Amino acid sequence: MSFDAERLSNVDPGHRALLDSSLWAPSAHNAQPWQVEPLEDGHSYELHYAQTSDLPEDHGNKDAYLTMGAMVETMVLQGPNHSLNVAVTPRLTRRDEDLHIASVALSRLVESDQIDSLSAWIGRRVTNRNEYRLRAISKT
């Protein structure tokens, strides 16, 4: 995850914990191309796709949208685990190489907020990097 280094000190520690846990989102080519820009209000962030030249061509930005969508969904699911509600506003705008995916606003979770049942499990997500075995799975 990338932050504007000068503005990092302005990020609320609770927000930073949520942003850090959102890094566990799956990403195409395991590139983790997210760039998070904290905004001046102290509770909003812009999410950008940080395209790198060493990745294969991403025609139509399909990998970018899938990857960033997974990051946004992970952030939304992780929010309640940090006592935060995550409100997402899709942007989907491009300026030259910058692809602005969404803006998010974080607020304290309140009792009336609906919590997705996957929130309790998202922190247990793991990636299997073991070699696959090409054999049939037994029925027992």
C-alpha atoms as a PDB file:
ATOM      1  CA  MET A   1       0.000   0.000   0.000  1.00  0.00           C
ATOM      2  CA  SER A   2       1.258   3.417  -0.808  1.00  0.00           C
ATOM      3  CA  PHE A   3       0.678   6.573   1.229  1.00  0.00           C
ATOM      4  CA  ASP A   4       1.729  10.135   0.675  1.00  0.00           C
ATOM      5  CA  ALA A   5       4.670  10.034   3.124  1.00  0.00           C
ATOM      6  CA  GLU A   6       4.195  13.614   4.379  1.00  0.00           C
ATOM      7  CA  ARG A   7       0.540  13.019   5.170  1.00  0.00           C
ATOM      8  CA  LEU A   8       1.053   9.629   6.881  1.00  0.00           C
ATOM      9  CA  SER A   9       1.307  11.260  10.297  1.00  0.00           C
ATOM     10  CA  ASN A  10      -2.252  12.601   9.882  1.00  0.00           C
ATOM     11  CA  VAL A  11      -3.789   9.127   9.550  1.00  0.00           C
ATOM     12  CA  ASP A  12      -5.794   8.054  12.596  1.00  0.00           C
ATOM     13  CA  PRO A  13      -4.203   4.921  14.181  1.00  0.00           C
ATOM     14  CA  GLY A  14      -7.545   3.069  14.040  1.00  0.00           C
ATOM     15  CA  HIS A  15      -7.862   3.919  10.363  1.00  0.00           C
ATOM     16  CA  ARG A  16      -4.292   2.785   9.748  1.00  0.00           C
ATOM     17  CA  ALA A  17      -5.045  -0.584  11.378  1.00  0.00           C
ATOM     18  CA  LEU A  18      -8.012  -1.036   9.019  1.00  0.00           C
ATOM     19  CA  LEU A  19      -5.979   0.020   5.984  1.00  0.00           C
ATOM     20  CA  ASP A  20      -3.189  -2.383   6.945  1.00  0.00           C
ATOM     21  CA  SER A  21      -5.601  -5.295   7.371  1.00  0.00           C
ATOM     22  CA  SER A  22      -7.111  -4.484   3.973  1.00  0.00           C
ATOM     23  CA  LEU A  23      -3.754  -5.287   2.396  1.00  0.00           C
ATOM     24  CA  TRP A  24      -4.635  -8.966   2.690  1.00  0.00           C
ATOM     25  CA  ALA A  25      -7.005  -8.561  -0.255  1.00  0.00           C
ATOM     26  CA  PRO A  26      -6.242 -10.814  -3.216  1.00  0.00           C
ATOM     27  CA  SER A  27      -4.797  -9.063  -6.258  1.00  0.00           C
ATOM     28  CA  ALA A  28      -4.182 -10.008  -9.878  1.00  0.00           C
ATOM     29  CA  HIS A  29      -0.611 -11.195 -10.370  1.00  0.00           C
ATOM     30  CA  ASN A  30      -0.190 -10.599  -6.600  1.00  0.00           C
ATOM     31  CA  ALA A  31       0.751  -7.049  -7.582  1.00  0.00           C
ATOM     32  CA  GLN A  32      -1.029  -5.283  -4.681  1.00  0.00           C
ATOM     33  CA  PRO A  33      -1.300  -2.124  -6.789  1.00  0.00           C
ATOM     34  CA  TRP A  34      -3.356  -0.031  -4.401  1.00  0.00           C
ATOM     35  CA  GLN A  35      -2.503   3.512  -3.547  1.00  0.00           C
ATOM     36  CA  VAL A  36      -4.341   5.107  -0.629  1.00  0.00           C
ATOM     37  CA  GLU A  37      -4.442   8.882  -0.362  1.00  0.00           C
ATOM     38  CA  PRO A  38      -5.671  10.327   2.952  1.00  0.00           C
ATOM     39  CA  LEU A  39      -7.835  13.430   2.529  1.00  0.00           C
ATOM     40  CA  GLU A  40      -7.731  16.589   4.632  1.00  0.00           C
ATOM     41  CA  ASP A  41     -10.952  15.832   6.548  1.00  0.00           C
ATOM     42  CA  GLY A  42      -9.195  13.052   8.501  1.00  0.00           C
ATOM     43  CA  HIS A  43     -11.769  10.344   7.811  1.00  0.00           C
ATOM     44  CA  SER A  44     -11.848  10.008   4.016  1.00  0.00           C
ATOM     45  CA  TYR A  45      -9.454   8.319   1.623  1.00  0.00           C
ATOM     46  CA  GLU A  46      -9.077   8.012  -2.133  1.00  0.00           C
ATOM     47  CA  LEU A  47      -8.250   4.583  -3.546  1.00  0.00           C
ATOM     48  CA  HIS A  48      -6.187   4.568  -6.734  1.00  0.00           C
ATOM     49  CA  TYR A  49      -4.838   1.791  -8.919  1.00  0.00           C
ATOM     50  CA  ALA A  50      -1.054   2.195  -9.061  1.00  0.00           C
ATOM     51  CA  GLN A  51      -0.356   0.651 -12.446  1.00  0.00           C
ATOM     52  CA  THR A  52       3.122  -0.768 -12.901  1.00  0.00           C
ATOM     53  CA  SER A  53       4.912  -1.307 -16.173  1.00  0.00           C
ATOM     54  CA  ASP A  54       6.288  -4.729 -15.195  1.00  0.00           C
ATOM     55  CA  LEU A  55       2.856  -6.408 -15.278  1.00  0.00           C
ATOM     56  CA  PRO A  56       1.374  -7.996 -18.387  1.00  0.00           C
ATOM     57  CA  GLU A  57      -0.973  -5.848 -20.434  1.00  0.00           C
ATOM     58  CA  ASP A  58      -4.295  -5.302 -18.746  1.00  0.00           C
ATOM     59  CA  HIS A  59      -6.574  -4.632 -21.700  1.00  0.00           C
ATOM     60  CA  GLY A  60      -9.646  -2.719 -20.608  1.00  0.00           C
ATOM     61  CA  ASN A  61      -8.319  -2.543 -17.028  1.00  0.00           C
ATOM     62  CA  LYS A  62     -10.041  -5.833 -16.123  1.00  0.00           C
ATOM     63  CA  ASP A  63      -7.315  -6.858 -13.659  1.00  0.00           C
ATOM     64  CA  ALA A  64      -7.302  -3.362 -12.182  1.00  0.00           C
ATOM     65  CA  TYR A  65     -11.043  -3.369 -11.520  1.00  0.00           C
ATOM     66  CA  LEU A  66     -11.040  -6.930 -10.112  1.00  0.00           C
ATOM     67  CA  THR A  67      -8.052  -6.232  -7.887  1.00  0.00           C
ATOM     68  CA  MET A  68      -9.314  -2.914  -6.597  1.00  0.00           C
ATOM     69  CA  GLY A  69     -12.808  -4.336  -6.110  1.00  0.00           C
ATOM     70  CA  ALA A  70     -11.311  -7.069  -3.927  1.00  0.00           C
ATOM     71  CA  MET A  71      -9.434  -4.436  -1.918  1.00  0.00           C
ATOM     72  CA  VAL A  72     -12.577  -2.327  -1.411  1.00  0.00           C
ATOM     73  CA  GLU A  73     -14.633  -5.389  -0.418  1.00  0.00           C
ATOM     74  CA  THR A  74     -11.922  -6.491   2.024  1.00  0.00           C
ATOM     75  CA  MET A  75     -11.906  -3.008   3.554  1.00  0.00           C
ATOM     76  CA  VAL A  76     -15.709  -3.019   3.925  1.00  0.00           C
ATOM     77  CA  LEU A  77     -15.639  -6.479   5.531  1.00  0.00           C
ATOM     78  CA  GLN A  78     -12.711  -5.588   7.811  1.00  0.00           C
ATOM     79  CA  GLY A  79     -14.351  -2.338   8.992  1.00  0.00           C
ATOM     80  CA  PRO A  80     -16.461  -3.888  11.787  1.00  0.00           C
ATOM     81  CA  ASN A  81     -13.386  -5.760  13.054  1.00  0.00           C
ATOM     82  CA  HIS A  82     -11.910  -2.312  13.748  1.00  0.00           C
ATOM     83  CA  SER A  83     -15.183  -0.790  15.032  1.00  0.00           C
ATOM     84  CA  LEU A  84     -15.493   1.210  11.824  1.00  0.00           C
ATOM     85  CA  ASN A  85     -18.132   1.612   9.157  1.00  0.00           C
ATOM     86  CA  VAL A  86     -16.800   2.000   5.611  1.00  0.00           C
ATOM     87  CA  ALA A  87     -18.900   4.029   3.158  1.00  0.00           C
ATOM     88  CA  VAL A  88     -17.738   3.585  -0.452  1.00  0.00           C
ATOM     89  CA  THR A  89     -18.333   6.000  -3.314  1.00  0.00           C
ATOM     90  CA  PRO A  90     -17.247   4.525  -6.679  1.00  0.00           C
ATOM     91  CA  ARG A  91     -15.305   6.965  -8.877  1.00  0.00           C
ATOM     92  CA  LEU A  92     -13.897   4.938 -11.804  1.00  0.00           C
ATOM     93  CA  THR A  93     -12.175   7.856 -13.479  1.00  0.00           C
ATOM     94  CA  ARG A  94      -8.871   7.948 -15.343  1.00  0.00           C
ATOM     95  CA  ARG A  95      -6.467  10.840 -15.779  1.00  0.00           C
ATOM     96  CA  ASP A  96      -3.431   9.779 -17.796  1.00  0.00           C
ATOM     97  CA  GLU A  97      -1.973   6.790 -15.877  1.00  0.00           C
ATOM     98  CA  ASP A  98      -3.990   7.441 -12.702  1.00  0.00           C
ATOM     99  CA  LEU A  99      -7.089   5.293 -12.215  1.00  0.00           C
ATOM    100  CA  HIS A 100      -9.195   6.620  -9.319  1.00  0.00           C
ATOM    101  CA  ILE A 101     -11.312   3.662  -8.228  1.00  0.00           C
ATOM    102  CA  ALA A 102     -13.255   4.889  -5.205  1.00  0.00           C
ATOM    103  CA  SER A 103     -13.415   7.202  -2.260  1.00  0.00           C
ATOM    104  CA  VAL A 104     -14.110   5.802   1.198  1.00  0.00           C
ATOM    105  CA  ALA A 105     -15.297   7.547   4.337  1.00  0.00           C
ATOM    106  CA  LEU A 106     -14.688   5.903   7.701  1.00  0.00           C
ATOM    107  CA  SER A 107     -16.890   6.449  10.740  1.00  0.00           C
ATOM    108  CA  ARG A 108     -17.335   4.800  14.115  1.00  0.00           C
ATOM    109  CA  LEU A 109     -19.500   1.691  13.938  1.00  0.00           C
ATOM    110  CA  VAL A 110     -22.850   2.148  15.668  1.00  0.00           C
ATOM    111  CA  GLU A 111     -25.191  -0.521  16.947  1.00  0.00           C
ATOM    112  CA  SER A 112     -27.700   0.000  14.124  1.00  0.00           C
ATOM    113  CA  ASP A 113     -25.071  -0.616  11.386  1.00  0.00           C
ATOM    114  CA  GLN A 114     -25.607  -3.892   9.553  1.00  0.00           C
ATOM    115  CA  ILE A 115     -22.573  -6.151   9.651  1.00  0.00           C
ATOM    116  CA  ASP A 116     -21.947  -8.714   6.920  1.00  0.00           C
ATOM    117  CA  SER A 117     -21.576 -12.221   8.359  1.00  0.00           C
ATOM    118  CA  LEU A 118     -18.291 -12.600   6.429  1.00  0.00           C
ATOM    119  CA  SER A 119     -16.693  -9.851   8.543  1.00  0.00           C
ATOM    120  CA  ALA A 120     -15.945 -12.341  11.300  1.00  0.00           C
ATOM    121  CA  TRP A 121     -14.070 -14.555   8.824  1.00  0.00           C
ATOM    122  CA  ILE A 122     -12.227 -12.145   6.526  1.00  0.00           C
ATOM    123  CA  GLY A 123      -9.225 -11.901   8.851  1.00  0.00           C
ATOM    124  CA  ARG A 124      -8.690 -15.649   8.481  1.00  0.00           C
ATOM    125  CA  ARG A 125      -8.304 -15.493   4.713  1.00  0.00           C
ATOM    126  CA  VAL A 126      -5.181 -17.232   3.446  1.00  0.00           C
ATOM    127  CA  THR A 127      -3.703 -17.873   0.046  1.00  0.00           C
ATOM    128  CA  ASN A 128      -2.617 -21.373  -0.890  1.00  0.00           C
ATOM    129  CA  ARG A 129       0.731 -21.069  -2.633  1.00  0.00           C
ATOM    130  CA  ASN A 130       1.406 -24.808  -2.619  1.00  0.00           C
ATOM    131  CA  GLU A 131       1.825 -26.748  -5.825  1.00  0.00           C
ATOM    132  CA  TYR A 132      -1.422 -28.256  -7.098  1.00  0.00           C
ATOM    133  CA  ARG A 133      -1.669 -31.996  -7.464  1.00  0.00           C
ATOM    134  CA  LEU A 134      -3.405 -33.205 -10.574  1.00  0.00           C
ATOM    135  CA  ARG A 135      -5.298 -36.149  -9.115  1.00  0.00           C
ATOM    136  CA  ALA A 136      -8.894 -36.982  -8.477  1.00  0.00           C
ATOM    137  CA  ILE A 137     -10.316 -36.173  -5.065  1.00  0.00           C
ATOM    138  CA  SER A 138     -11.577 -39.251  -3.272  1.00  0.00           C
ATOM    139  CA  LYS A 139     -15.293 -39.443  -2.528  1.00  0.00           C
ATOM    140  CA  THR A 140     -14.684 -40.330   1.110  1.00  0.00           C
END
